[in-house]
C-alpha atoms as a PDB file:
ATOM      1  CA  ALA A   1      12.950  -5.122   3.768  1.00  0.00           C
ATOM      2  CA  ALA A   2      15.157  -3.361   6.593  1.00  0.00           C
ATOM      3  CA  VAL A   3      18.386  -2.834   4.619  1.00  0.00           C
ATOM      4  CA  ALA A   4      16.339  -1.283   1.828  1.00  0.00           C
ATOM      5  CA  ALA A   5      14.846   1.049   4.622  1.00  0.00           C
ATOM      6  CA  GLY A   6      18.126   2.393   5.413  1.00  0.00           C
ATOM      7  CA  GLY A   7      18.134   0.372   8.657  1.00  0.00           C
ATOM      8  CA  GLY A   8      21.110  -1.606   8.282  1.00  0.00           C
ATOM      9  CA  GLY A   9      19.780  -5.010   9.102  1.00  0.00           C
ATOM     10  CA  GLY A  10      19.612  -5.245  12.914  1.00  0.00           C
ATOM     11  CA  GLY A  11      21.035  -7.758  14.725  1.00  0.00           C
ATOM     12  CA  ASP A  12      20.262 -10.623  17.356  1.00  0.00           C
ATOM     13  CA  ASP A  13      22.924 -10.899  20.152  1.00  0.00           C
ATOM     14  CA  ASP A  14      22.369 -15.032  20.731  1.00  0.00           C
ATOM     15  CA  GLY A  15      22.913 -15.621  17.026  1.00  0.00           C
ATOM     16  CA  LYS A  16      19.589 -17.859  16.642  1.00  0.00           C
ATOM     17  CA  PHE A  17      18.435 -15.853  14.187  1.00  0.00           C
ATOM     18  CA  ALA A  18      19.992 -14.110  11.050  1.00  0.00           C
ATOM     19  CA  PRO A  19      21.597 -10.618  11.519  1.00  0.00           C
ATOM     20  CA  TRP A  20      17.975  -8.785  10.086  1.00  0.00           C
ATOM     21  CA  HIS A  21      16.164 -10.889  12.338  1.00  0.00           C
ATOM     22  CA  GLY A  22      15.264  -8.180  14.516  1.00  0.00           C
ATOM     23  CA  ALA A  23      14.838  -5.351  12.608  1.00  0.00           C
ATOM     24  CA  VAL A  24      12.328  -7.112   9.881  1.00  0.00           C
ATOM     25  CA  LYS A  25      10.455  -9.240  13.111  1.00  0.00           C
ATOM     26  CA  GLU A  26       9.919  -5.273  14.101  1.00  0.00           C
ATOM     27  CA  LEU A  27       9.263  -4.048  11.094  1.00  0.00           C
ATOM     28  CA  VAL A  28       6.260  -6.587   9.798  1.00  0.00           C
ATOM     29  CA  ALA A  29       5.062  -6.836  13.611  1.00  0.00           C
ATOM     30  CA  PRO A  30       2.109  -4.810  13.278  1.00  0.00           C
ATOM     31  CA  HIS A  31       0.941  -6.786   9.898  1.00  0.00           C
ATOM     32  CA  GLY A  32       1.370  -9.680  12.107  1.00  0.00           C
ATOM     33  CA  GLY A  33       4.369 -11.126   9.983  1.00  0.00           C
ATOM     34  CA  ALA A  34       5.445 -10.918   7.078  1.00  0.00           C
ATOM     35  CA  ASP A  35       3.511 -11.951   3.599  1.00  0.00           C
ATOM     36  CA  LEU A  36       6.106 -13.231   1.936  1.00  0.00           C
ATOM     37  CA  VAL A  37       9.506 -13.818   1.789  1.00  0.00           C
ATOM     38  CA  VAL A  38      12.091 -14.802  -1.337  1.00  0.00           C
ATOM     39  CA  ASP A  39      14.700 -16.619   0.288  1.00  0.00           C
ATOM     40  CA  PHE A  40      18.501 -17.539  -1.421  1.00  0.00           C
ATOM     41  CA  VAL A  41      20.153 -18.493   1.404  1.00  0.00           C
ATOM     42  CA  GLY A  42      18.655 -21.675   2.645  1.00  0.00           C
ATOM     43  CA  ALA A  43      19.426 -23.139   6.124  1.00  0.00           C
ATOM     44  CA  ALA A  44      21.406 -20.570   7.938  1.00  0.00           C
ATOM     45  CA  TYR A  45      18.409 -18.493   7.493  1.00  0.00           C
ATOM     46  CA  TRP A  46      15.305 -21.233   8.074  1.00  0.00           C
ATOM     47  CA  HIS A  47      14.438 -20.237  11.309  1.00  0.00           C
ATOM     48  CA  ALA A  48      14.552 -16.461  11.365  1.00  0.00           C
ATOM     49  CA  ASN A  49      12.637 -16.929   7.618  1.00  0.00           C
ATOM     50  CA  VAL A  50       9.714 -18.835   9.875  1.00  0.00           C
ATOM     51  CA  ASP A  51      10.165 -16.754  12.445  1.00  0.00           C
ATOM     52  CA  VAL A  52       9.221 -13.499  10.981  1.00  0.00           C
ATOM     53  CA  LEU A  53       6.357 -15.013   8.466  1.00  0.00           C
ATOM     54  CA  GLY A  54       2.592 -14.263   9.502  1.00  0.00           C
ATOM     55  CA  ALA A  55       0.003 -16.719   9.061  1.00  0.00           C
ATOM     56  CA  ASP A  56      -0.943 -17.906   5.578  1.00  0.00           C
ATOM     57  CA  GLY A  57       2.694 -16.177   4.662  1.00  0.00           C
ATOM     58  CA  THR A  58       4.686 -18.064   1.888  1.00  0.00           C
ATOM     59  CA  MET A  59       8.637 -18.619   1.540  1.00  0.00           C
ATOM     60  CA  VAL A  60       9.946 -19.035  -2.049  1.00  0.00           C
ATOM     61  CA  MET A  61      13.367 -20.569  -1.912  1.00  0.00           C
ATOM     62  CA  LEU A  62      15.417 -19.758  -4.724  1.00  0.00           C
ATOM     63  CA  ALA A  63      18.868 -20.978  -3.789  1.00  0.00           C
ATOM     64  CA  PHE A  64      21.086 -22.582  -0.984  1.00  0.00           C
ATOM     65  CA  LEU A  65      23.620 -20.353  -0.293  1.00  0.00           C
ATOM     66  CA  GLY A  66      24.084 -20.668   2.930  1.00  0.00           C
ATOM     67  CA  GLY A  67      23.625 -24.125   3.156  1.00  0.00           C
ATOM     68  CA  VAL A  68      21.090 -27.255   3.006  1.00  0.00           C
ATOM     69  CA  GLU A  69      20.667 -28.418   6.656  1.00  0.00           C
ATOM     70  CA  PRO A  70      18.890 -25.961   9.046  1.00  0.00           C
ATOM     71  CA  ARG A  71      20.356 -26.007  12.779  1.00  0.00           C
ATOM     72  CA  PRO A  72      19.494 -28.438  15.159  1.00  0.00           C
ATOM     73  CA  PRO A  73      16.741 -28.425  16.537  1.00  0.00           C
ATOM     74  CA  THR A  74      14.793 -27.003  13.827  1.00  0.00           C
ATOM     75  CA  ASN A  75      10.633 -27.073  14.945  1.00  0.00           C
ATOM     76  CA  LEU A  76       8.277 -27.612  12.086  1.00  0.00           C
ATOM     77  CA  ALA A  77       5.397 -27.158  14.386  1.00  0.00           C
ATOM     78  CA  PRO A  78       5.289 -23.170  13.093  1.00  0.00           C
ATOM     79  CA  ILE A  79       4.278 -24.630   9.525  1.00  0.00           C
ATOM     80  CA  LEU A  80       1.089 -26.149  10.625  1.00  0.00           C
ATOM     81  CA  ARG A  81       0.504 -23.439  13.353  1.00  0.00           C
ATOM     82  CA  LYS A  82       0.681 -20.879  10.415  1.00  0.00           C
ATOM     83  CA  ARG A  83      -0.398 -22.646   7.573  1.00  0.00           C
ATOM     84  CA  LEU A  84       2.818 -21.586   5.563  1.00  0.00           C
ATOM     85  CA  ASN A  85       3.749 -22.231   2.487  1.00  0.00           C
ATOM     86  CA  ILE A  86       6.710 -22.963   1.487  1.00  0.00           C
ATOM     87  CA  ARG A  87       7.716 -23.596  -2.269  1.00  0.00           C
ATOM     88  CA  GLY A  88      11.315 -23.768  -3.947  1.00  0.00           C
ATOM     89  CA  SER A  89      12.302 -22.854  -7.337  1.00  0.00           C
ATOM     90  CA  THR A  90      15.237 -22.430  -9.743  1.00  0.00           C
ATOM     91  CA  LEU A  91      16.015 -20.730 -13.286  1.00  0.00           C
ATOM     92  CA  ARG A  92      19.228 -23.154 -13.799  1.00  0.00           C
ATOM     93  CA  ALA A  93      17.477 -25.753 -15.153  1.00  0.00           C
ATOM     94  CA  ARG A  94      15.753 -23.435 -17.449  1.00  0.00           C
ATOM     95  CA  SER A  95      16.357 -22.360 -21.069  1.00  0.00           C
ATOM     96  CA  VAL A  96      18.083 -18.942 -22.478  1.00  0.00           C
ATOM     97  CA  ASP A  97      15.278 -17.831 -23.989  1.00  0.00           C
ATOM     98  CA  TYR A  98      12.787 -18.814 -21.150  1.00  0.00           C
ATOM     99  CA  LYS A  99      15.020 -16.637 -18.757  1.00  0.00           C
ATOM    100  CA  ALA A 100      15.147 -13.744 -21.044  1.00  0.00           C
ATOM    101  CA  GLN A 101      11.564 -13.733 -21.365  1.00  0.00           C
ATOM    102  CA  LEU A 102      11.386 -14.025 -17.802  1.00  0.00           C
ATOM    103  CA  THR A 103      13.278 -10.698 -17.490  1.00  0.00           C
ATOM    104  CA  ARG A 104      11.588  -8.867 -20.040  1.00  0.00           C
ATOM    105  CA  ARG A 105       8.275  -9.573 -18.395  1.00  0.00           C
ATOM    106  CA  PHE A 106       9.311  -8.848 -14.997  1.00  0.00           C
ATOM    107  CA  VAL A 107      10.767  -5.209 -16.130  1.00  0.00           C
ATOM    108  CA  ALA A 108       7.720  -4.125 -18.079  1.00  0.00           C
ATOM    109  CA  PHE A 109       5.510  -5.581 -14.655  1.00  0.00           C
ATOM    110  CA  VAL A 110       7.768  -3.444 -12.063  1.00  0.00           C
ATOM    111  CA  GLY A 111       9.148  -0.783 -14.245  1.00  0.00           C
ATOM    112  CA  ASP A 112       5.818   1.609 -14.170  1.00  0.00           C
ATOM    113  CA  ARG A 113       5.382   0.753 -10.710  1.00  0.00           C
ATOM    114  CA  LEU A 114       9.002   1.280  -9.527  1.00  0.00           C
ATOM    115  CA  GLY A 115      10.436   3.847 -12.048  1.00  0.00           C
ATOM    116  CA  ALA A 116      14.001   5.540 -10.924  1.00  0.00           C
ATOM    117  CA  ASP A 117      13.232   4.238  -7.413  1.00  0.00           C
ATOM    118  CA  ILE A 118      15.147   0.762  -8.181  1.00  0.00           C
ATOM    119  CA  ALA A 119      18.542   0.571  -7.372  1.00  0.00           C
ATOM    120  CA  PRO A 120      21.032  -2.221  -6.127  1.00  0.00           C
ATOM    121  CA  VAL A 121      22.734  -2.093  -2.820  1.00  0.00           C
ATOM    122  CA  VAL A 122      26.211  -1.818  -3.094  1.00  0.00           C
ATOM    123  CA  HIS A 123      27.750  -2.012   0.197  1.00  0.00           C
ATOM    124  CA  ALA A 124      31.598  -1.547  -1.508  1.00  0.00           C
ATOM    125  CA  THR A 125      33.163  -1.125  -4.343  1.00  0.00           C
ATOM    126  CA  MET A 126      37.058  -2.669  -4.604  1.00  0.00           C
ATOM    127  CA  ALA A 127      39.712  -3.259  -7.285  1.00  0.00           C
ATOM    128  CA  LEU A 128      40.045  -6.492  -8.585  1.00  0.00           C
ATOM    129  CA  ASP A 129      43.382  -6.520  -7.520  1.00  0.00           C
ATOM    130  CA  ASP A 130      41.793  -7.050  -4.224  1.00  0.00           C
ATOM    131  CA  VAL A 131      39.816  -9.491  -4.846  1.00  0.00           C
ATOM    132  CA  ALA A 132      41.196 -11.525  -1.768  1.00  0.00           C
ATOM    133  CA  ALA A 133      39.644  -8.821   1.025  1.00  0.00           C
ATOM    134  CA  ALA A 134      36.629  -8.810  -0.988  1.00  0.00           C
ATOM    135  CA  HIS A 135      36.193 -12.813  -0.497  1.00  0.00           C
ATOM    136  CA  ASP A 136      37.120 -11.651   3.232  1.00  0.00           C
ATOM    137  CA  LEU A 137      34.884  -9.393   3.392  1.00  0.00           C
ATOM    138  CA  LEU A 138      31.746 -12.096   2.252  1.00  0.00           C
ATOM    139  CA  GLU A 139      32.889 -14.284   4.139  1.00  0.00           C
ATOM    140  CA  SER A 140      32.556 -11.959   7.293  1.00  0.00           C
ATOM    141  CA  ASN A 141      28.742 -12.000   6.065  1.00  0.00           C
ATOM    142  CA  ALA A 142      28.839  -8.202   7.563  1.00  0.00           C
ATOM    143  CA  THR A 143      27.695  -6.824   4.000  1.00  0.00           C
ATOM    144  CA  SER A 144      24.363  -5.311   3.464  1.00  0.00           C
ATOM    145  CA  GLY A 145      24.533  -5.247  -0.318  1.00  0.00           C
ATOM    146  CA  LYS A 146      26.902  -6.005  -3.294  1.00  0.00           C
ATOM    147  CA  VAL A 147      30.530  -5.842  -3.263  1.00  0.00           C
ATOM    148  CA  VAL A 148      31.613  -4.708  -6.873  1.00  0.00           C
ATOM    149  CA  LEU A 149      34.721  -5.913  -8.463  1.00  0.00           C
ATOM    150  CA  ARG A 150      36.189  -3.013 -10.416  1.00  0.00           C
ATOM    151  CA  VAL A 151      37.647  -4.736 -13.647  1.00  0.00           C
ATOM    152  CA  ALA A 152      39.479  -1.393 -15.030  1.00  0.00           C
ATOM    153  CA  ASP A 153      41.656  -0.761 -11.949  1.00  0.00           C
ATOM    154  CA  ALA A 154      43.016  -4.435 -12.045  1.00  0.00           C
ATOM    155  CA  ALA A 155      47.072  -4.886 -13.061  1.00  0.00           C
ATOM    156  CA  ALA A 156      47.766  -5.096 -16.494  1.00  0.00           C
END
């Protein structure tokens, strides 16, 4: 939300939470916390996700790009205290037909509501020849959007 709002994600100096945690926590504070967190990162963002969720909030986990074991200590008490709902799902095992139908339904549902306002967040565009630098950038965890590789710029 903070990146989409142009905030860049913020940062926490103590390293306990994800880099976006402070900005999102501030954004949702007037509402008592976030109602929904959709997470692709997993363990690396577990503590921040649970912290920003409000009472009766839901976290949907779709991937584990940041690992499957949250950094200890992991306090489970907020799950009960906030009455959190934690769900997991994946499209990997679903058929291509199911994924296509889901995409069409999503576009139909969201398209009219968002119109031209929806756009990907691109952090950097790089030539395919610079794939090693692009990988280093992604590993630095300093991106706030997609890193796009231009195939047309690649050497023949």
